[in-house]
Amino acid sequence: MNHLAANLRKLRLEKQLTQEQCAAKLGVSAQSVSRWETAATLPDVMLLPDIAKLYDVLVDDLFKPSPKGYANNALRLLAVFELSHKPEDFLAAAQEFDKLIREGRATADDWRSCGVTHEYMVYHCIEKATACYAKAMDISRSTDQEMYHRTVRQRTLLRSRIGQCEACISEQEEAVRLQPDNADAWADLAHALSCANQPERTLCTCEEALKRFPDSAILHVFAGDACRELKRYDEAFPHWETAIRLDDEFMDAMFSMAFCRGDMGQFDKAASIWADIARRLEKRGLEIEAQWPREMAERCREQVK
């Protein structure tokens, strides 16, 4: 506690604030500020976070021998987030950096630190997502195979975005080796290859799998998507159409068809498909999900005009 009084005076002077100005910002009397700085009394513990914020330091810094204030509150909040890893602390820091940027007061270090803030949050989110997928897979492994493989594919997409494509492919190849009669295992492998941007291998895998599982809607979707990447459009649409015929509720094929019609410059047909997707989602009560397809349909209509 011996350092607190000296620190309060030092930090106030560094901010070029008078005792009266500090008192006004903290909602106390100037006499209270004076008594803190002379160690006559201690600040109420509930005021410590406000005092730390005012001086751009952490609460713990108030009690250290030689505290150094941060250049601004955004940097202080970044330090808080680094310690806590809490999403609410990320939001507080990000909003403070955004304020500096909007007001044109951000220095090069502020821009760099803003990037650091978001980078730390990205890694936090990746860790959280990975843990959630692992839990979902553990729960559904023996009770809900559809959910299990949906989660496997979602996890593969995440891992592909952080440079783990080959590891995912190897894992799914092993899964196919162990379960050659499991259509979902083949679909998981096709998805891993697709995420790795290997359309030729994806298509070969799907074609081999479809010899065993001709009625697998998802394999037809992946085959069609691979054909689209290879610009083999005449081969893509029969796969998607077959997927829709096999499972009218499985809408992935419709999304692929809409995008592909746009690729081909057939915006009138693309608009029709997007509108159909929106209607189907609305019919299921998914009004929010239907909003984006409606917007896509309108964009395609604008292209036609």
Protein backbone atom coordinates (compact mmCIF):
# COMPACT_ATOMS: atom_id res chain seq x y z
CA MET A 1 0.00 0.00 0.00
CA ASN A 2 2.99 2.38 0.55
CA HIS A 3 3.33 2.92 -3.20
CA LEU A 4 -0.30 3.83 -3.83
CA ALA A 5 -0.19 7.46 -2.68
CA ALA A 6 2.98 8.25 -4.62
CA ASN A 7 1.64 6.51 -7.73
CA LEU A 8 -1.62 8.42 -7.66
CA ARG A 9 0.24 11.73 -7.58
CA LYS A 10 2.79 10.63 -10.22
CA LEU A 11 0.17 9.34 -12.65
CA ARG A 12 -2.00 12.43 -12.23
CA LEU A 13 0.90 14.73 -13.02
CA GLU A 14 1.85 12.61 -16.05
CA LYS A 15 -1.68 13.16 -17.36
CA GLN A 16 -1.31 16.87 -16.63
CA LEU A 17 -4.46 16.89 -14.53
CA THR A 18 -5.19 18.94 -11.44
CA GLN A 19 -6.65 17.39 -8.32
CA GLU A 20 -9.88 19.25 -9.06
CA GLN A 21 -10.05 17.78 -12.58
CA CYS A 22 -9.45 14.26 -11.29
CA ALA A 23 -12.05 14.72 -8.60
CA ALA A 24 -14.64 15.83 -11.16
CA LYS A 25 -13.95 12.84 -13.39
CA LEU A 26 -14.16 10.42 -10.46
CA GLY A 27 -17.16 11.99 -8.78
CA VAL A 28 -15.35 12.79 -5.52
CA SER A 29 -14.07 15.92 -3.84
CA ALA A 30 -10.68 17.48 -4.55
CA GLN A 31 -9.93 17.03 -0.85
CA SER A 32 -10.39 13.26 -1.26
CA VAL A 33 -7.86 13.19 -4.10
CA SER A 34 -5.44 15.21 -2.00
CA ARG A 35 -5.82 12.88 0.99
CA TRP A 36 -5.18 9.82 -1.24
CA GLU A 37 -1.98 11.36 -2.55
CA THR A 38 -0.70 12.09 0.94
CA ALA A 39 -1.66 8.65 2.23
CA ALA A 40 -4.05 10.19 4.74
CA THR A 41 -6.82 7.94 3.45
CA LEU A 42 -7.27 5.21 0.86
CA PRO A 43 -9.61 5.33 -2.15
CA ASP A 44 -12.72 3.19 -1.88
CA VAL A 45 -11.89 -0.17 -3.43
CA MET A 46 -14.87 0.22 -5.79
CA LEU A 47 -13.21 3.32 -7.25
CA LEU A 48 -9.95 1.60 -8.15
CA PRO A 49 -11.07 0.48 -11.65
CA ASP A 50 -12.20 4.03 -12.44
CA ILE A 51 -8.93 5.48 -11.16
CA ALA A 52 -6.93 2.98 -13.22
CA LYS A 53 -8.96 3.82 -16.32
CA LEU A 54 -8.46 7.54 -15.76
CA TYR A 55 -4.70 7.10 -15.59
CA ASP A 56 -4.55 4.44 -18.35
CA VAL A 57 -3.05 1.75 -16.13
CA LEU A 58 -4.21 -1.56 -14.71
CA VAL A 59 -5.51 -1.72 -11.14
CA ASP A 60 -2.50 -3.80 -10.13
CA ASP A 61 -0.20 -1.11 -11.50
CA LEU A 62 -1.45 1.34 -8.88
CA PHE A 63 0.34 -0.66 -6.20
CA LYS A 64 3.63 -1.30 -8.04
CA PRO A 65 6.85 0.59 -7.23
CA SER A 66 7.15 2.36 -10.61
CA PRO A 67 3.99 2.14 -12.68
CA LYS A 68 4.03 3.34 -16.26
CA GLY A 69 0.79 4.54 -17.73
CA TYR A 70 -0.33 3.38 -21.15
CA ALA A 71 -0.42 5.94 -23.94
CA ASN A 72 -4.20 5.62 -24.09
CA ASN A 73 -7.10 3.63 -22.73
CA ALA A 74 -7.19 1.32 -25.76
CA LEU A 75 -3.73 0.02 -24.97
CA ARG A 76 -4.71 -0.44 -21.33
CA LEU A 77 -7.77 -2.45 -22.36
CA LEU A 78 -5.62 -4.57 -24.66
CA ALA A 79 -3.47 -5.43 -21.65
CA VAL A 80 -6.61 -6.41 -19.73
CA PHE A 81 -7.71 -8.67 -22.61
CA GLU A 82 -4.27 -10.27 -22.81
CA LEU A 83 -4.65 -11.30 -19.18
CA SER A 84 -8.28 -12.38 -19.18
CA HIS A 85 -8.93 -13.75 -22.72
CA LYS A 86 -12.57 -12.81 -22.11
CA PRO A 87 -14.68 -11.84 -25.16
CA GLU A 88 -16.15 -8.87 -23.30
CA ASP A 89 -12.63 -7.50 -22.71
CA PHE A 90 -11.85 -7.96 -26.41
CA LEU A 91 -14.95 -5.96 -27.31
CA ALA A 92 -14.02 -3.18 -24.90
CA ALA A 93 -10.50 -2.90 -26.37
CA ALA A 94 -11.69 -3.17 -29.99
CA GLN A 95 -14.29 -0.44 -29.47
CA GLU A 96 -11.71 1.85 -27.91
CA PHE A 97 -9.31 1.33 -30.83
CA ASP A 98 -12.19 1.96 -33.27
CA LYS A 99 -12.89 5.23 -31.46
CA LEU A 100 -9.25 6.33 -31.86
CA ILE A 101 -9.38 5.45 -35.55
CA ARG A 102 -12.68 7.24 -36.19
CA GLU A 103 -11.38 10.37 -34.49
CA GLY A 104 -8.14 10.29 -36.50
CA ARG A 105 -6.00 9.97 -33.36
CA ALA A 106 -4.60 6.48 -33.95
CA THR A 107 -0.82 6.22 -34.13
CA ALA A 108 1.09 3.49 -35.94
CA ASP A 109 1.40 1.66 -32.62
CA ASP A 110 -2.35 1.96 -32.09
CA TRP A 111 -3.02 0.41 -35.51
CA ARG A 112 -0.51 -2.37 -34.76
CA SER A 113 -2.02 -2.97 -31.33
CA CYS A 114 -5.52 -3.03 -32.80
CA GLY A 115 -4.31 -5.80 -35.10
CA VAL A 116 -2.84 -7.65 -32.13
CA THR A 117 -6.17 -7.38 -30.32
CA HIS A 118 -8.04 -9.01 -33.19
CA GLU A 119 -5.31 -11.60 -33.72
CA TYR A 120 -5.56 -12.73 -30.09
CA MET A 121 -9.35 -12.96 -30.44
CA VAL A 122 -9.00 -15.05 -33.60
CA TYR A 123 -6.87 -17.60 -31.77
CA HIS A 124 -9.27 -17.57 -28.83
CA CYS A 125 -12.18 -18.24 -31.19
CA ILE A 126 -10.32 -21.02 -32.99
CA GLU A 127 -9.56 -22.73 -29.69
CA LYS A 128 -13.18 -22.34 -28.59
CA ALA A 129 -14.57 -23.62 -31.89
CA THR A 130 -12.21 -26.60 -31.86
CA ALA A 131 -13.30 -27.51 -28.35
CA CYS A 132 -16.98 -27.20 -29.30
CA TYR A 133 -16.56 -29.41 -32.36
CA ALA A 134 -14.71 -32.02 -30.30
CA LYS A 135 -17.54 -32.07 -27.77
CA ALA A 136 -20.22 -32.32 -30.47
CA MET A 137 -18.37 -35.21 -32.10
CA ASP A 138 -17.96 -36.97 -28.78
CA ILE A 139 -21.69 -36.66 -28.02
CA SER A 140 -22.92 -37.69 -31.46
CA ARG A 141 -20.36 -40.35 -32.37
CA SER A 142 -22.53 -43.26 -31.21
CA THR A 143 -25.97 -41.62 -31.19
CA ASP A 144 -26.36 -39.43 -34.29
CA GLN A 145 -24.17 -40.25 -37.27
CA GLU A 146 -25.58 -37.46 -39.41
CA MET A 147 -24.68 -34.87 -36.78
CA TYR A 148 -21.29 -36.49 -36.23
CA HIS A 149 -20.29 -36.22 -39.89
CA ARG A 150 -21.73 -32.71 -40.25
CA THR A 151 -19.46 -31.71 -37.38
CA VAL A 152 -16.46 -33.50 -38.89
CA ARG A 153 -16.92 -31.53 -42.11
CA GLN A 154 -17.35 -28.23 -40.27
CA ARG A 155 -14.19 -28.91 -38.28
CA THR A 156 -12.36 -29.76 -41.50
CA LEU A 157 -13.38 -26.41 -42.97
CA LEU A 158 -11.97 -24.61 -39.93
CA ARG A 159 -8.74 -26.60 -39.96
CA SER A 160 -8.27 -25.99 -43.68
CA ARG A 161 -8.39 -22.26 -43.02
CA ILE A 162 -5.48 -22.50 -40.59
CA GLY A 163 -3.22 -24.58 -42.81
CA GLN A 164 -4.10 -28.12 -41.71
CA CYS A 165 -5.44 -29.35 -45.05
CA GLU A 166 -3.05 -32.27 -45.47
CA ALA A 167 -3.63 -33.50 -41.92
CA CYS A 168 -7.39 -33.51 -42.55
CA ILE A 169 -6.98 -35.39 -45.82
CA SER A 170 -4.79 -38.00 -44.15
CA GLU A 171 -7.29 -38.48 -41.34
CA GLN A 172 -10.21 -38.91 -43.72
CA GLU A 173 -8.25 -41.27 -45.96
CA GLU A 174 -7.64 -43.42 -42.89
CA ALA A 175 -11.34 -43.24 -42.01
CA VAL A 176 -12.24 -44.50 -45.51
CA ARG A 177 -9.68 -47.29 -45.20
CA LEU A 178 -11.26 -48.40 -41.92
CA GLN A 179 -14.87 -47.91 -43.11
CA PRO A 180 -14.93 -48.45 -46.89
CA ASP A 181 -18.67 -49.17 -46.78
CA ASN A 182 -19.53 -45.89 -45.04
CA ALA A 183 -20.78 -43.29 -47.52
CA ASP A 184 -20.29 -40.48 -45.00
CA ALA A 185 -16.62 -41.39 -44.57
CA TRP A 186 -16.17 -40.98 -48.33
CA ALA A 187 -18.07 -37.68 -48.23
CA ASP A 188 -15.82 -36.45 -45.41
CA LEU A 189 -12.77 -37.27 -47.55
CA ALA A 190 -14.25 -35.50 -50.58
CA HIS A 191 -14.94 -32.46 -48.43
CA ALA A 192 -11.37 -32.45 -47.06
CA LEU A 193 -10.01 -32.56 -50.62
CA SER A 194 -12.38 -29.79 -51.67
CA CYS A 195 -11.25 -27.60 -48.75
CA ALA A 196 -7.68 -28.17 -49.89
CA ASN A 197 -8.64 -26.83 -53.33
CA GLN A 198 -7.98 -30.13 -55.10
CA PRO A 199 -10.98 -30.45 -57.45
CA GLU A 200 -9.49 -33.21 -59.58
CA ARG A 201 -8.89 -35.46 -56.58
CA THR A 202 -12.27 -34.48 -55.14
CA LEU A 203 -14.05 -35.53 -58.32
CA CYS A 204 -12.12 -38.80 -58.59
CA THR A 205 -12.98 -39.63 -54.98
CA CYS A 206 -16.66 -38.83 -55.53
CA GLU A 207 -16.82 -40.90 -58.72
CA GLU A 208 -15.24 -43.87 -56.98
CA ALA A 209 -17.59 -43.50 -54.02
CA LEU A 210 -20.69 -43.08 -56.19
CA LYS A 211 -20.05 -46.49 -57.73
CA ARG A 212 -20.69 -47.85 -54.24
CA PHE A 213 -23.26 -45.28 -53.08
CA PRO A 214 -25.17 -43.95 -56.13
CA ASP A 215 -27.95 -42.63 -53.91
CA SER A 216 -25.76 -40.41 -51.71
CA ALA A 217 -27.02 -36.86 -52.20
CA ILE A 218 -24.02 -35.26 -50.55
CA LEU A 219 -21.55 -37.13 -52.74
CA HIS A 220 -23.40 -35.82 -55.80
CA VAL A 221 -23.17 -32.29 -54.38
CA PHE A 222 -19.41 -32.58 -53.87
CA ALA A 223 -19.00 -34.09 -57.35
CA GLY A 224 -20.97 -31.22 -58.86
CA ASP A 225 -18.95 -28.66 -56.92
CA ALA A 226 -15.70 -30.21 -58.16
CA CYS A 227 -16.98 -30.08 -61.75
CA ARG A 228 -17.82 -26.41 -61.24
CA GLU A 229 -14.28 -25.69 -60.06
CA LEU A 230 -12.99 -27.47 -63.15
CA LYS A 231 -15.46 -25.47 -65.30
CA ARG A 232 -17.06 -28.70 -66.46
CA TYR A 233 -20.52 -27.19 -66.08
CA ASP A 234 -22.36 -29.71 -68.25
CA GLU A 235 -21.27 -32.44 -65.82
CA ALA A 236 -21.95 -30.40 -62.69
CA PHE A 237 -25.68 -29.82 -63.13
CA PRO A 238 -26.69 -33.49 -63.49
CA HIS A 239 -24.97 -34.21 -60.16
CA TRP A 240 -26.79 -31.36 -58.40
CA GLU A 241 -30.11 -32.28 -60.00
CA THR A 242 -29.66 -35.86 -58.84
CA ALA A 243 -28.90 -34.66 -55.30
CA ILE A 244 -32.14 -32.64 -55.27
CA ARG A 245 -34.10 -35.61 -56.60
CA LEU A 246 -32.64 -37.85 -53.90
CA ASP A 247 -33.22 -35.38 -51.06
CA ASP A 248 -35.47 -32.42 -51.76
CA GLU A 249 -34.78 -30.97 -48.29
CA PHE A 250 -31.00 -30.98 -48.80
CA MET A 251 -30.49 -27.48 -50.21
CA ASP A 252 -26.72 -27.42 -50.70
CA ALA A 253 -27.16 -28.43 -54.35
CA MET A 254 -29.45 -25.45 -54.96
CA PHE A 255 -26.89 -23.03 -53.56
CA SER A 256 -24.24 -24.56 -55.82
CA MET A 257 -26.51 -24.29 -58.85
CA ALA A 258 -27.29 -20.63 -58.11
CA PHE A 259 -23.63 -19.71 -57.79
CA CYS A 260 -22.75 -21.63 -60.94
CA ARG A 261 -25.46 -19.91 -62.99
CA GLY A 262 -23.93 -16.64 -61.85
CA ASP A 263 -20.47 -17.84 -62.90
CA MET A 264 -21.88 -18.56 -66.34
CA GLY A 265 -23.50 -15.13 -66.62
CA GLN A 266 -26.99 -16.65 -66.55
CA PHE A 267 -28.29 -14.17 -64.01
CA ASP A 268 -31.96 -14.68 -64.81
CA LYS A 269 -31.70 -18.38 -63.99
CA ALA A 270 -29.55 -17.62 -60.94
CA ALA A 271 -32.18 -15.16 -59.66
CA SER A 272 -34.88 -17.80 -60.05
CA ILE A 273 -32.89 -20.33 -58.02
CA TRP A 274 -32.06 -17.82 -55.28
CA ALA A 275 -35.73 -16.87 -55.03
CA ASP A 276 -36.69 -20.55 -54.79
CA ILE A 277 -34.16 -21.04 -52.00
CA ALA A 278 -35.60 -18.05 -50.13
CA ARG A 279 -39.14 -19.39 -50.48
CA ARG A 280 -38.12 -22.80 -49.18
CA LEU A 281 -36.39 -21.27 -46.16
CA GLU A 282 -39.37 -19.03 -45.43
CA LYS A 283 -41.65 -22.06 -45.63
CA ARG A 284 -39.54 -23.67 -42.89
CA GLY A 285 -39.91 -20.56 -40.77
CA LEU A 286 -36.27 -19.53 -41.33
CA GLU A 287 -36.97 -15.90 -42.14
CA ILE A 288 -33.52 -14.63 -41.16
CA GLU A 289 -31.76 -17.30 -43.23
CA ALA A 290 -33.99 -16.40 -46.19
CA GLN A 291 -32.87 -12.78 -46.22
CA TRP A 292 -29.51 -13.36 -47.92
CA PRO A 293 -30.89 -15.51 -50.78
CA ARG A 294 -33.53 -12.82 -51.36
CA GLU A 295 -30.76 -10.23 -51.61
CA MET A 296 -28.80 -12.45 -53.99
CA ALA A 297 -31.89 -12.87 -56.17
CA GLU A 298 -32.29 -9.09 -56.34
CA ARG A 299 -28.63 -8.59 -57.24
CA CYS A 300 -28.96 -11.08 -60.08
CA ARG A 301 -32.10 -9.31 -61.34
CA GLU A 302 -30.12 -6.05 -61.36
CA GLN A 303 -27.50 -7.76 -63.51
CA VAL A 304 -30.18 -8.78 -65.99
CA LYS A 305 -31.43 -5.16 -66.19
